[in-house]
Protein backbone atom coordinates (compact mmCIF):
# COMPACT_ATOMS: atom_id res chain seq x y z
CA UNK A 1 108.83 113.79 89.04
CA UNK A 2 105.57 114.43 90.94
CA UNK A 3 107.54 114.81 94.19
CA UNK A 4 109.86 117.34 92.55
CA UNK A 5 106.89 119.32 91.21
CA UNK A 6 105.24 119.30 94.63
CA UNK A 7 108.33 120.69 96.37
CA UNK A 8 108.89 123.23 93.60
CA UNK A 9 105.29 124.44 93.96
CA UNK A 10 105.61 124.47 97.76
CA UNK A 11 108.80 126.55 97.69
CA UNK A 12 107.26 128.92 95.15
CA UNK A 13 104.17 129.35 97.35
CA UNK A 14 106.19 130.01 100.52
CA UNK A 15 108.32 132.56 98.63
CA UNK A 16 105.25 134.27 97.18
CA UNK A 17 103.62 134.57 100.61
CA UNK A 18 106.76 136.17 102.08
CA UNK A 19 107.20 138.52 99.13
CA UNK A 20 103.59 139.78 99.04
CA UNK A 21 103.42 140.17 102.83
CA UNK A 22 106.67 142.12 103.14
CA UNK A 23 106.00 144.20 100.04
CA UNK A 24 102.50 145.22 101.19
CA UNK A 25 103.74 146.25 104.62
CA UNK A 26 107.19 147.72 103.96
CA UNK A 27 107.62 148.06 100.20
CA UNK A 28 110.72 146.71 98.47
CA UNK A 29 112.70 149.81 97.65
CA UNK A 30 115.99 148.66 99.17
CA UNK A 31 118.12 145.73 98.05
CA UNK A 32 117.71 144.14 101.47
CA UNK A 33 113.89 144.17 101.23
CA UNK A 34 114.11 142.69 97.74
CA UNK A 35 116.15 139.69 98.84
CA UNK A 36 114.64 139.29 102.34
CA UNK A 37 111.58 137.29 101.15
CA UNK A 38 113.88 134.79 99.42
CA UNK A 39 116.14 134.49 102.49
CA UNK A 40 113.19 133.97 104.84
CA UNK A 41 111.58 131.45 102.48
CA UNK A 42 114.78 129.41 102.22
CA UNK A 43 115.17 129.48 106.00
CA UNK A 44 111.60 128.29 106.56
CA UNK A 45 111.79 125.54 103.94
CA UNK A 46 115.09 124.36 105.45
CA UNK A 47 113.63 124.24 108.96
CA UNK A 48 110.54 122.39 107.73
CA UNK A 49 112.76 119.80 106.07
CA UNK A 50 114.77 119.01 109.21
CA UNK A 51 112.54 119.77 112.19
CA UNK A 52 110.46 116.59 111.98
CA UNK A 53 113.47 114.35 112.59
CA UNK A 54 115.43 116.71 114.83
CA UNK A 55 115.57 115.51 118.43
CA UNK A 56 118.50 117.56 119.70
CA UNK A 57 118.59 120.48 122.16
CA UNK A 58 115.49 122.67 121.98
CA UNK A 59 113.75 120.32 119.53
CA UNK A 60 110.26 121.17 120.76
CA UNK A 61 110.98 124.92 120.71
CA UNK A 62 112.37 124.75 117.16
CA UNK A 63 109.38 122.66 116.07
CA UNK A 64 106.83 125.14 117.41
CA UNK A 65 108.78 128.17 116.14
CA UNK A 66 108.91 126.70 112.64
CA UNK A 67 105.26 125.78 112.40
CA UNK A 68 103.96 128.96 114.03
CA UNK A 69 106.04 130.81 111.45
CA UNK A 70 104.35 128.77 108.70
CA UNK A 71 100.88 129.53 110.06
CA UNK A 72 101.74 133.15 110.74
CA UNK A 73 102.99 133.84 107.23
CA UNK A 74 99.74 132.35 105.89
CA UNK A 75 97.75 134.81 108.02
CA UNK A 76 99.99 137.71 106.97
CA UNK A 77 99.69 136.81 103.30
CA UNK A 78 95.87 136.68 103.50
CA UNK A 79 95.79 139.98 105.41
CA UNK A 80 98.15 141.56 102.89
CA UNK A 81 95.91 140.55 99.99
CA UNK A 82 92.92 142.17 101.72
CA UNK A 83 94.85 145.39 102.35
CA UNK A 84 96.06 145.48 98.73
CA UNK A 85 92.44 145.13 97.59
CA UNK A 86 91.36 147.92 99.95
CA UNK A 87 94.07 150.17 98.57
CA UNK A 88 92.90 149.48 95.02
CA UNK A 89 89.42 150.54 96.21
CA UNK A 90 91.01 153.78 97.55
CA UNK A 91 90.60 152.82 101.21
CA UNK A 92 93.93 153.87 102.65
CA UNK A 93 94.49 152.06 105.93
CA UNK A 94 98.02 152.10 107.39
CA UNK A 95 99.92 149.20 105.83
CA UNK A 96 101.32 147.97 109.13
CA UNK A 97 97.79 147.14 110.33
CA UNK A 98 98.05 143.87 108.38
CA UNK A 99 100.94 142.89 110.66
CA UNK A 100 98.85 143.70 113.75
CA UNK A 101 95.96 141.60 112.45
CA UNK A 102 98.38 138.75 111.75
CA UNK A 103 99.73 138.88 115.31
CA UNK A 104 96.21 138.87 116.79
CA UNK A 105 95.01 135.96 114.62
CA UNK A 106 98.18 133.99 115.38
CA UNK A 107 97.74 134.41 119.15
CA UNK A 108 94.05 133.49 119.02
CA UNK A 109 94.64 130.43 116.85
CA UNK A 110 97.55 129.14 118.98
CA UNK A 111 95.40 129.57 122.10
CA UNK A 112 92.49 127.73 120.47
CA UNK A 113 94.66 124.80 119.36
CA UNK A 114 96.06 124.51 122.89
CA UNK A 115 92.58 123.92 124.34
CA UNK A 116 91.36 120.46 125.18
CA UNK A 117 89.17 118.76 122.55
CA UNK A 118 85.47 119.57 122.57
CA UNK A 119 83.04 116.66 122.69
CA UNK A 120 80.65 116.39 119.75
CA UNK A 121 77.62 114.21 120.43
CA UNK A 122 76.01 112.39 117.51
CA UNK A 123 72.99 110.10 117.71
CA UNK A 124 72.25 107.54 115.01
CA UNK A 125 69.03 105.52 115.06
CA UNK A 126 68.48 102.42 112.97
CA UNK A 127 66.21 99.37 113.29
CA UNK A 128 69.27 97.11 112.83
CA UNK A 129 70.65 98.26 116.18
CA UNK A 130 69.41 95.81 118.82
CA UNK A 131 70.97 97.48 121.86
CA UNK A 132 72.52 100.93 122.45
CA UNK A 133 76.24 101.23 121.71
CA UNK A 134 78.42 104.26 122.47
CA UNK A 135 81.41 104.76 120.16
CA UNK A 136 84.22 107.22 120.87
CA UNK A 137 85.93 108.39 117.69
CA UNK A 138 89.44 109.82 117.84
CA UNK A 139 91.14 111.02 114.65
CA UNK A 140 94.30 112.82 113.55
CA UNK A 141 96.12 112.99 116.86
CA UNK A 142 99.51 113.32 115.09
CA UNK A 143 101.38 112.31 118.23
CA UNK A 144 104.96 113.53 118.50
CA UNK A 145 106.75 116.75 119.44
CA UNK A 146 103.62 118.81 118.87
CA UNK A 147 101.51 116.86 121.39
CA UNK A 148 103.03 116.05 124.77
CA UNK A 149 102.04 112.84 126.60
CA UNK A 150 100.19 114.89 129.24
CA UNK A 151 97.74 116.07 126.56
CA UNK A 152 97.12 112.50 125.46
CA UNK A 153 96.53 111.50 129.08
CA UNK A 154 93.90 114.26 129.49
CA UNK A 155 92.25 113.10 126.26
CA UNK A 156 92.09 109.50 127.42
CA UNK A 157 90.83 110.57 130.87
CA UNK A 158 87.94 112.38 129.15
CA UNK A 159 87.16 109.30 127.08
CA UNK A 160 87.24 107.05 130.14
CA UNK A 161 84.84 109.37 131.97
CA UNK A 162 82.26 108.88 129.20
CA UNK A 163 82.61 105.06 129.32
CA UNK A 164 82.31 104.24 125.60
CA UNK A 165 81.60 100.68 124.52
CA UNK A 166 84.04 101.00 121.61
CA UNK A 167 86.93 103.32 120.72
CA UNK A 168 87.97 103.87 117.10
CA UNK A 169 91.00 105.74 115.75
CA UNK A 170 90.45 106.88 112.17
CA UNK A 171 94.03 107.44 111.04
CA UNK A 172 97.03 109.75 111.45
CA UNK A 173 97.64 108.56 115.00
CA UNK A 174 101.42 108.77 115.25
CA UNK A 175 103.37 111.58 113.59
CA UNK A 176 106.73 110.15 114.69
CA UNK A 177 108.04 106.66 115.31
CA UNK A 178 110.88 107.29 117.80
CA UNK A 179 110.57 107.99 121.53
CA UNK A 180 106.89 106.98 121.53
CA UNK A 181 106.92 104.73 124.62
CA UNK A 182 105.23 107.31 126.92
CA UNK A 183 102.33 107.47 124.44
CA UNK A 184 102.21 103.69 124.05
CA UNK A 185 101.94 103.27 127.83
CA UNK A 186 98.88 105.55 127.87
CA UNK A 187 97.22 103.58 125.06
CA UNK A 188 97.69 100.38 127.06
CA UNK A 189 95.69 101.88 129.94
CA UNK A 190 92.76 102.66 127.63
CA UNK A 191 90.08 100.00 127.41
CA UNK A 192 86.58 99.45 126.03
CA UNK A 193 84.34 96.37 126.25
CA UNK A 194 83.79 96.17 122.47
CA UNK A 195 87.44 96.86 121.63
CA UNK A 196 89.88 99.50 120.36
CA UNK A 197 90.32 99.70 116.58
CA UNK A 198 92.48 101.68 114.18
CA UNK A 199 92.99 102.24 110.47
CA UNK A 200 95.91 103.90 108.74
CA UNK A 201 95.90 107.49 107.53
CA UNK A 202 98.16 109.17 105.01
CA UNK A 203 100.69 110.03 107.72
CA UNK A 204 101.04 106.35 108.62
CA UNK A 205 102.35 105.93 105.08
CA UNK A 206 104.58 109.02 105.26
CA UNK A 207 106.24 107.76 108.44
CA UNK A 208 106.55 104.17 107.20
CA UNK A 209 103.54 101.88 107.30
CA UNK A 210 105.37 98.90 108.81
CA UNK A 211 106.74 101.01 111.68
CA UNK A 212 103.33 102.49 112.40
CA UNK A 213 101.66 99.09 112.28
CA UNK A 214 104.11 98.00 114.95
CA UNK A 215 103.07 101.00 117.07
CA UNK A 216 99.42 99.99 116.61
CA UNK A 217 100.28 96.54 117.95
CA UNK A 218 102.26 97.89 120.89
CA UNK A 219 99.40 100.25 121.74
CA UNK A 220 96.92 97.36 121.86
CA UNK A 221 94.92 98.64 118.89
CA UNK A 222 93.25 96.15 116.57
CA UNK A 223 94.52 96.93 113.07
CA UNK A 224 91.44 97.00 110.85
CA UNK A 225 93.05 97.97 107.52
CA UNK A 226 91.11 96.12 104.80
CA UNK A 227 89.52 93.83 107.37
CA UNK A 228 86.10 93.07 108.79
CA UNK A 229 85.18 91.98 112.30
CA UNK A 230 82.03 91.61 114.37
CA UNK A 231 81.65 93.09 117.83
CA UNK A 232 78.74 94.02 120.13
CA UNK A 233 76.21 93.08 117.47
CA UNK A 234 77.84 95.35 114.85
CA UNK A 235 79.79 94.66 111.67
CA UNK A 236 82.94 96.76 111.78
CA UNK A 237 84.99 97.28 108.60
CA UNK A 238 88.17 99.26 108.05
CA UNK A 239 90.08 100.36 104.98
CA UNK A 240 93.66 101.58 104.61
CA UNK A 241 94.36 105.13 103.47
CA UNK A 242 95.56 103.78 100.14
CA UNK A 243 92.40 101.72 99.77
CA UNK A 244 92.15 98.14 98.65
CA UNK A 245 89.50 98.52 95.96
CA UNK A 246 88.77 94.80 95.96
CA UNK A 247 87.95 95.05 99.66
CA UNK A 248 85.72 98.09 99.13
CA UNK A 249 83.94 96.36 96.25
CA UNK A 250 83.26 93.35 98.47
CA UNK A 251 81.43 95.41 101.11
CA UNK A 252 77.68 95.02 101.26
CA UNK A 253 74.76 95.83 103.50
CA UNK A 254 74.10 93.29 106.23
CA UNK A 255 71.20 92.48 108.50
CA UNK A 256 73.45 93.83 111.23
CA UNK A 257 74.44 97.49 111.48
CA UNK A 258 77.46 98.02 109.21
CA UNK A 259 80.25 100.53 110.03
CA UNK A 260 83.28 101.53 107.95
CA UNK A 261 86.37 103.25 109.36
CA UNK A 262 87.93 105.25 106.52
CA UNK A 263 90.50 107.99 107.07
CA UNK A 264 89.66 110.23 104.11
CA UNK A 265 85.99 111.19 103.60
CA UNK A 266 85.81 110.08 99.98
CA UNK A 267 83.18 108.36 97.85
CA UNK A 268 80.26 108.68 100.27
CA UNK A 269 77.76 108.50 97.41
CA UNK A 270 79.37 105.29 96.13
CA UNK A 271 79.60 103.64 99.55
CA UNK A 272 76.26 104.75 101.01
CA UNK A 273 74.29 101.82 99.53
CA UNK A 274 76.72 99.39 101.20
CA UNK A 275 77.40 100.99 104.60
CA UNK A 276 75.15 102.26 107.40
CA UNK A 277 77.78 104.51 109.04
CA UNK A 278 81.18 105.76 107.83
CA UNK A 279 83.57 107.39 110.30
CA UNK A 280 86.33 109.56 108.81
CA UNK A 281 88.73 112.39 109.61
CA UNK A 282 91.71 113.77 107.68
CA UNK A 283 90.31 117.17 106.61
CA UNK A 284 90.65 118.81 110.06
CA UNK A 285 87.65 120.95 108.97
CA UNK A 286 90.31 123.09 107.29
CA UNK A 287 91.99 123.71 110.69
CA UNK A 288 92.91 127.36 109.97
CA UNK A 289 90.44 129.78 108.44
CA UNK A 290 90.46 130.86 105.59
CA UNK A 291 92.36 127.73 104.50
CA UNK A 292 89.12 125.88 105.28
CA UNK A 293 87.63 127.23 102.03
CA UNK A 294 90.31 125.41 100.03
CA UNK A 295 89.68 122.21 101.97
CA UNK A 296 85.95 122.53 101.24
CA UNK A 297 86.78 122.71 97.53
CA UNK A 298 88.83 119.50 97.80
CA UNK A 299 86.43 117.54 100.02
CA UNK A 300 82.69 117.69 99.50
CA UNK A 301 82.24 116.20 102.97
CA UNK A 302 84.81 117.70 105.31
CA UNK A 303 83.15 118.40 108.67
CA UNK A 304 80.33 116.93 110.73
CA UNK A 305 77.41 114.69 109.85
CA UNK A 306 76.12 113.92 106.34
CA UNK A 307 73.21 111.67 105.38
CA UNK A 308 72.17 109.84 102.21
CA UNK A 309 69.02 107.79 102.71
CA UNK A 310 69.60 105.52 105.72
CA UNK A 311 73.40 105.88 105.49
CA UNK A 312 75.45 108.38 107.50
CA UNK A 313 78.97 109.80 107.26
CA UNK A 314 80.60 111.59 110.17
CA UNK A 315 83.83 113.54 109.62
CA UNK A 316 85.76 114.33 112.79
CA UNK A 317 87.54 117.74 112.85
CA UNK A 318 90.74 116.17 114.19
CA UNK A 319 91.31 115.42 117.85
CA UNK A 320 94.45 117.54 117.77
CA UNK A 321 96.08 119.22 114.75
CA UNK A 322 98.77 118.83 112.14
CA UNK A 323 101.70 121.18 111.47
CA UNK A 324 101.04 124.67 112.83
CA UNK A 325 99.76 124.40 116.44
CA UNK A 326 96.92 126.67 115.38
CA UNK A 327 93.16 126.50 114.90
CA UNK A 328 90.89 129.31 113.77
CA UNK A 329 87.11 128.75 113.64
CA UNK A 330 87.63 125.00 114.12
CA UNK A 331 88.12 122.89 117.25
CA UNK A 332 90.03 119.89 118.45
CA UNK A 333 87.35 117.20 118.69
CA UNK A 334 86.34 113.94 120.31
CA UNK A 335 83.21 112.43 118.76
CA UNK A 336 80.79 110.37 120.82
CA UNK A 337 78.38 108.46 118.57
CA UNK A 338 75.38 106.87 120.28
CA UNK A 339 73.78 104.09 118.26
CA UNK A 340 70.15 103.52 119.20
CA UNK A 341 67.37 101.28 117.96
CA UNK A 342 64.87 103.18 115.85
């Protein structure tokens, strides 16, 4: 029932965005303009339902067309609402300007998402740290049609250049499960003295957890879902995206520096007394402004570094992106966390 309600709400939202956008710009005086929003909404929903598993001719083109359409109609809808408000306030700007703004924002956001990830440097000091350790955090790569292997190679080349002691992947690594061998081969070439670790994200569940766990294994990643290990003088914990509450309850502060890999940035206040550093992702910092405001309402901690006492949470913006190949006022990100003795 919840799945049905979700899809019903999603279809309603897509239809509303098309209707408001077209009505604001062109009106709906003719029969064609009245039914066009419904036709476009049905077409987009249909493409979204099939494009993920479509691997036929032009699959990549169809994928990008579909998701740029999704992002573009979001921009147009937001612009249309602003222009409707301006009209109510008796500021009469030509209606088609909303379409121009949409085109400009779409181009800028596609260009920004196509850029290589920026490196965010974070330094954590703590008396428990006996020797410096450099951790590279990668999150939300969503590997598949949207990210070609050449982009993953450039990402890994950047990581190798910085010579991290440890590499962690905080969920949503693989968006697809078929035709992933070129990506797997690149993972095999990536190495770090303290190891490569991964936890599941929500998309690992969407794509089939067992299949994604097999990809983790093939990629040479240590699966840390609901497990604890010790490496380079650190205690490293991981939790699955659907968390094992018994595992979380069992966590406790240690005389050694304690890290938790956790895909979604939830329950920082609850976990802070138990963990020295939590590394998360998932929120993509909202990815596309002004959608970021909605994400901020959902997640209290959704971007960057947060501190409670001696405990820290860092939320990666997403090393690539999900869905629309678009970013506005956010960046693809690699995080380099330097752990130093206080």
